């Protein structure tokens, strides 16, 4: 049986400042890849050129993933890996298949018996969790919350009940709706509930703060059109200030 190639899951920077660290890990692998499954071709080409100014873009083949969960892709693209070639999977920012398209590609690769190799790189959800002060032993990532008001409120209150029991809950919103979500949180949650807001992770203007809802009401941040991760949990140290 011919030796199969490898599918590499290649993280991309969360901010322009993160390109150097990400490039150091990705460059040795990317230099051998000419087939890519990407979330956005323009972003992917820009990343590859940032990693290696001499990367042969014109000699590479790109298959773009749709952003939606129900996207379909041509599994025959994986035939390149079956024939011994390397394939790179790139998200627009962060880790492929985590709050980004890519899981269907990975699932298909497992069915085809193709080796999957995840590379080390930035993940905003885990970095927000690490920085929140909440437990990392018992946590749930909810992704994007519902848009419909009743469903959204019910889930937020359910998350709050879980946080009161010592569970950590991570969620996010599209940048242009961040401020609306923040208003919902401070209006619907108890004043004593703890909330971490992590914005612009890895960027020079990164801000990560964990405060009581009562304190957030006094210091309302402007989260419009910036990447934000919200974390709700319960600190093991009591706030005596």
Protein backbone atom coordinates (compact mmCIF):
# COMPACT_ATOMS: atom_id res chain seq x y z
CA UNK A 1 0.00 0.00 0.00
CA UNK A 2 1.35 3.42 -0.90
CA UNK A 3 2.32 5.68 1.95
CA UNK A 4 -0.29 8.36 2.62
CA UNK A 5 0.51 11.99 3.13
CA UNK A 6 -0.37 14.09 6.17
CA UNK A 7 -2.99 16.73 6.87
CA UNK A 8 -1.55 19.51 9.03
CA UNK A 9 -3.85 21.71 11.10
CA UNK A 10 -2.02 25.04 10.95
CA UNK A 11 -2.99 27.81 13.41
CA UNK A 12 -2.82 31.40 12.18
CA UNK A 13 -2.22 34.55 14.28
CA UNK A 14 -5.00 36.18 16.28
CA UNK A 15 -3.39 39.58 15.69
CA UNK A 16 -0.61 41.03 13.50
CA UNK A 17 1.70 41.02 16.52
CA UNK A 18 1.45 37.24 16.73
CA UNK A 19 2.80 36.47 13.27
CA UNK A 20 6.42 36.01 14.33
CA UNK A 21 5.65 33.37 16.97
CA UNK A 22 3.21 31.53 14.72
CA UNK A 23 5.58 31.65 11.75
CA UNK A 24 8.39 30.05 13.74
CA UNK A 25 6.26 26.95 14.26
CA UNK A 26 4.49 26.87 10.89
CA UNK A 27 7.30 27.69 8.46
CA UNK A 28 9.18 24.35 8.54
CA UNK A 29 5.93 22.50 7.76
CA UNK A 30 4.41 24.96 5.30
CA UNK A 31 7.52 24.91 3.14
CA UNK A 32 6.59 21.34 2.12
CA UNK A 33 2.86 21.96 1.50
CA UNK A 34 1.29 22.93 -1.82
CA UNK A 35 -2.33 21.93 -1.16
CA UNK A 36 -4.44 23.95 1.27
CA UNK A 37 -7.98 23.80 2.63
CA UNK A 38 -8.66 27.27 3.99
CA UNK A 39 -11.42 29.39 5.50
CA UNK A 40 -10.52 32.38 3.35
CA UNK A 41 -8.16 32.27 0.37
CA UNK A 42 -7.09 35.91 0.61
CA UNK A 43 -6.26 35.59 4.33
CA UNK A 44 -4.46 32.31 3.72
CA UNK A 45 -2.30 33.73 0.92
CA UNK A 46 -1.41 36.73 3.08
CA UNK A 47 -0.42 34.44 5.96
CA UNK A 48 1.74 32.21 3.77
CA UNK A 49 3.60 35.22 2.38
CA UNK A 50 4.11 36.58 5.91
CA UNK A 51 5.58 33.24 6.98
CA UNK A 52 7.80 32.96 3.91
CA UNK A 53 8.19 35.88 1.50
CA UNK A 54 9.38 33.45 -1.19
CA UNK A 55 6.52 30.97 -0.77
CA UNK A 56 5.35 29.76 -4.22
CA UNK A 57 1.73 30.91 -4.02
CA UNK A 58 1.14 30.43 -7.74
CA UNK A 59 2.23 26.79 -7.51
CA UNK A 60 -0.23 26.06 -4.70
CA UNK A 61 -3.82 24.81 -4.85
CA UNK A 62 -6.49 26.23 -2.51
CA UNK A 63 -9.90 24.85 -1.57
CA UNK A 64 -12.02 27.37 0.33
CA UNK A 65 -14.30 26.23 3.16
CA UNK A 66 -17.65 27.86 3.72
CA UNK A 67 -17.99 29.53 7.12
CA UNK A 68 -21.22 27.72 7.96
CA UNK A 69 -21.49 24.41 9.80
CA UNK A 70 -23.45 22.81 6.98
CA UNK A 71 -20.83 23.43 4.31
CA UNK A 72 -19.95 20.64 1.92
CA UNK A 73 -16.51 20.13 0.47
CA UNK A 74 -15.13 17.91 -2.25
CA UNK A 75 -13.67 14.97 -0.35
CA UNK A 76 -11.73 14.04 -3.47
CA UNK A 77 -9.37 16.87 -2.54
CA UNK A 78 -8.12 14.46 0.14
CA UNK A 79 -6.95 12.21 -2.68
CA UNK A 80 -3.83 14.35 -2.76
CA UNK A 81 -2.97 13.08 0.73
CA UNK A 82 -3.80 9.51 -0.25
CA UNK A 83 -1.23 9.91 -3.02
CA UNK A 84 1.40 10.99 -0.49
CA UNK A 85 1.07 14.78 -0.63
CA UNK A 86 0.79 17.10 2.37
CA UNK A 87 -2.34 19.20 2.90
CA UNK A 88 -2.57 22.22 5.20
CA UNK A 89 -5.82 23.32 6.86
CA UNK A 90 -5.90 27.01 7.83
CA UNK A 91 -8.56 29.01 9.64
CA UNK A 92 -8.88 32.77 9.27
CA UNK A 93 -7.50 33.30 12.78
CA UNK A 94 -6.54 30.83 15.50
CA UNK A 95 -6.83 27.05 15.42
CA UNK A 96 -8.63 25.20 12.61
CA UNK A 97 -11.78 23.29 13.60
CA UNK A 98 -12.15 25.15 16.94
CA UNK A 99 -14.93 27.73 16.58
CA UNK A 100 -13.95 27.65 12.90
CA UNK A 101 -14.69 25.41 9.92
CA UNK A 102 -12.54 22.35 9.51
CA UNK A 103 -14.00 19.55 11.63
CA UNK A 104 -15.68 17.95 8.60
CA UNK A 105 -12.35 17.88 6.80
CA UNK A 106 -10.71 16.22 9.80
CA UNK A 107 -13.56 13.71 10.18
CA UNK A 108 -13.30 12.77 6.49
CA UNK A 109 -9.53 12.38 6.83
CA UNK A 110 -10.00 9.91 9.66
CA UNK A 111 -12.40 7.88 7.49
CA UNK A 112 -9.82 7.89 4.70
CA UNK A 113 -7.11 6.75 7.11
CA UNK A 114 -5.04 9.91 6.64
CA UNK A 115 -2.75 11.06 9.45
CA UNK A 116 -3.73 14.30 11.19
CA UNK A 117 -1.01 16.51 12.70
CA UNK A 118 -2.15 19.52 14.77
CA UNK A 119 0.43 22.26 15.20
CA UNK A 120 0.87 24.39 18.30
CA UNK A 121 -0.63 27.85 18.02
CA UNK A 122 -2.87 30.52 19.54
CA UNK A 123 -6.40 29.67 20.64
CA UNK A 124 -8.42 32.58 21.96
CA UNK A 125 -10.84 30.43 23.94
CA UNK A 126 -8.12 28.62 25.87
CA UNK A 127 -6.10 31.79 26.35
CA UNK A 128 -9.16 33.55 27.77
CA UNK A 129 -9.80 30.57 30.06
CA UNK A 130 -6.20 30.59 31.24
CA UNK A 131 -6.45 34.29 32.04
CA UNK A 132 -9.88 34.30 33.70
CA UNK A 133 -9.03 33.00 37.16
CA UNK A 134 -11.79 30.39 36.85
CA UNK A 135 -11.31 26.64 36.99
CA UNK A 136 -9.88 24.89 33.95
CA UNK A 137 -10.88 21.47 35.28
CA UNK A 138 -14.55 21.74 34.34
CA UNK A 139 -15.45 24.03 31.46
CA UNK A 140 -17.76 24.25 28.45
CA UNK A 141 -17.33 26.22 25.24
CA UNK A 142 -20.69 27.33 23.87
CA UNK A 143 -19.48 29.10 20.75
CA UNK A 144 -21.86 31.80 19.56
CA UNK A 145 -24.98 32.38 21.65
CA UNK A 146 -28.47 32.37 20.10
CA UNK A 147 -29.69 35.59 18.50
CA UNK A 148 -33.36 35.16 19.44
CA UNK A 149 -33.94 37.02 22.73
CA UNK A 150 -35.84 34.39 24.70
CA UNK A 151 -33.54 31.55 23.73
CA UNK A 152 -30.50 33.73 24.38
CA UNK A 153 -31.72 34.80 27.83
CA UNK A 154 -32.56 31.23 28.84
CA UNK A 155 -29.09 30.01 27.89
CA UNK A 156 -27.34 32.91 29.64
CA UNK A 157 -29.25 32.22 32.87
CA UNK A 158 -28.49 28.51 32.50
CA UNK A 159 -24.80 29.36 32.13
CA UNK A 160 -25.02 31.53 35.25
CA UNK A 161 -26.45 28.63 37.27
CA UNK A 162 -23.60 26.44 36.08
CA UNK A 163 -21.05 29.10 37.01
CA UNK A 164 -22.51 29.29 40.52
CA UNK A 165 -21.75 25.58 40.88
CA UNK A 166 -18.10 26.13 39.96
CA UNK A 167 -18.25 25.33 36.24
CA UNK A 168 -16.55 27.63 33.75
CA UNK A 169 -18.42 28.67 30.60
CA UNK A 170 -16.83 30.25 27.53
CA UNK A 171 -18.76 31.95 24.74
CA UNK A 172 -18.38 34.61 22.08
CA UNK A 173 -20.23 36.89 19.70
CA UNK A 174 -19.61 38.42 16.30
CA UNK A 175 -17.66 41.68 16.78
CA UNK A 176 -20.45 44.01 15.66
CA UNK A 177 -22.84 42.50 18.28
CA UNK A 178 -20.41 42.46 21.23
CA UNK A 179 -21.86 45.55 22.88
CA UNK A 180 -25.40 44.17 22.63
CA UNK A 181 -24.31 40.93 24.29
CA UNK A 182 -22.54 42.87 27.02
CA UNK A 183 -25.72 44.87 27.71
CA UNK A 184 -27.73 41.65 27.89
CA UNK A 185 -25.26 40.18 30.36
CA UNK A 186 -25.25 43.12 32.76
CA UNK A 187 -29.05 43.40 32.55
CA UNK A 188 -29.87 39.72 33.03
CA UNK A 189 -27.15 38.45 35.38
CA UNK A 190 -26.94 38.84 39.15
CA UNK A 191 -24.69 41.64 40.46
CA UNK A 192 -22.49 39.05 42.21
CA UNK A 193 -21.89 36.93 39.09
CA UNK A 194 -18.29 37.00 37.87
CA UNK A 195 -17.51 37.68 34.23
CA UNK A 196 -14.19 37.76 32.39
CA UNK A 197 -13.96 39.78 29.18
CA UNK A 198 -10.89 39.08 27.04
CA UNK A 199 -10.50 41.37 24.03
CA UNK A 200 -7.86 41.66 21.31
CA UNK A 201 -5.94 38.66 22.66
CA UNK A 202 -2.22 38.76 21.68
CA UNK A 203 -2.56 42.29 20.24
CA UNK A 204 -0.75 45.32 21.66
CA UNK A 205 -4.09 46.65 22.97
CA UNK A 206 -5.10 43.35 24.62
CA UNK A 207 -7.42 43.73 27.62
CA UNK A 208 -8.36 40.87 29.97
CA UNK A 209 -10.35 41.62 33.14
CA UNK A 210 -12.48 39.53 35.51
CA UNK A 211 -15.04 41.54 37.48
CA UNK A 212 -18.40 41.22 39.19
CA UNK A 213 -21.38 42.21 37.06
CA UNK A 214 -21.98 45.05 39.54
CA UNK A 215 -18.49 46.37 38.73
CA UNK A 216 -18.91 45.92 34.98
CA UNK A 217 -21.99 48.15 35.17
CA UNK A 218 -19.73 50.92 36.47
CA UNK A 219 -17.01 50.36 33.84
CA UNK A 220 -18.68 49.64 30.55
CA UNK A 221 -16.11 48.84 27.85
CA UNK A 222 -16.55 49.59 24.17
CA UNK A 223 -16.33 46.17 22.52
CA UNK A 224 -17.58 47.20 19.09
CA UNK A 225 -15.92 45.48 16.14
CA UNK A 226 -13.10 43.83 18.10
CA UNK A 227 -12.51 40.12 18.81
CA UNK A 228 -13.82 39.27 22.29
CA UNK A 229 -14.15 36.09 24.35
CA UNK A 230 -16.51 36.04 27.34
CA UNK A 231 -15.91 33.70 30.28
CA UNK A 232 -18.31 33.17 33.18
CA UNK A 233 -17.25 31.24 36.24
CA UNK A 234 -16.54 31.30 39.95
CA UNK A 235 -13.23 32.41 41.42
CA UNK A 236 -11.84 30.30 44.22
CA UNK A 237 -10.61 33.46 45.96
CA UNK A 238 -13.19 35.77 47.47
CA UNK A 239 -13.21 39.40 46.39
CA UNK A 240 -12.60 41.42 49.53
CA UNK A 241 -12.03 44.76 47.80
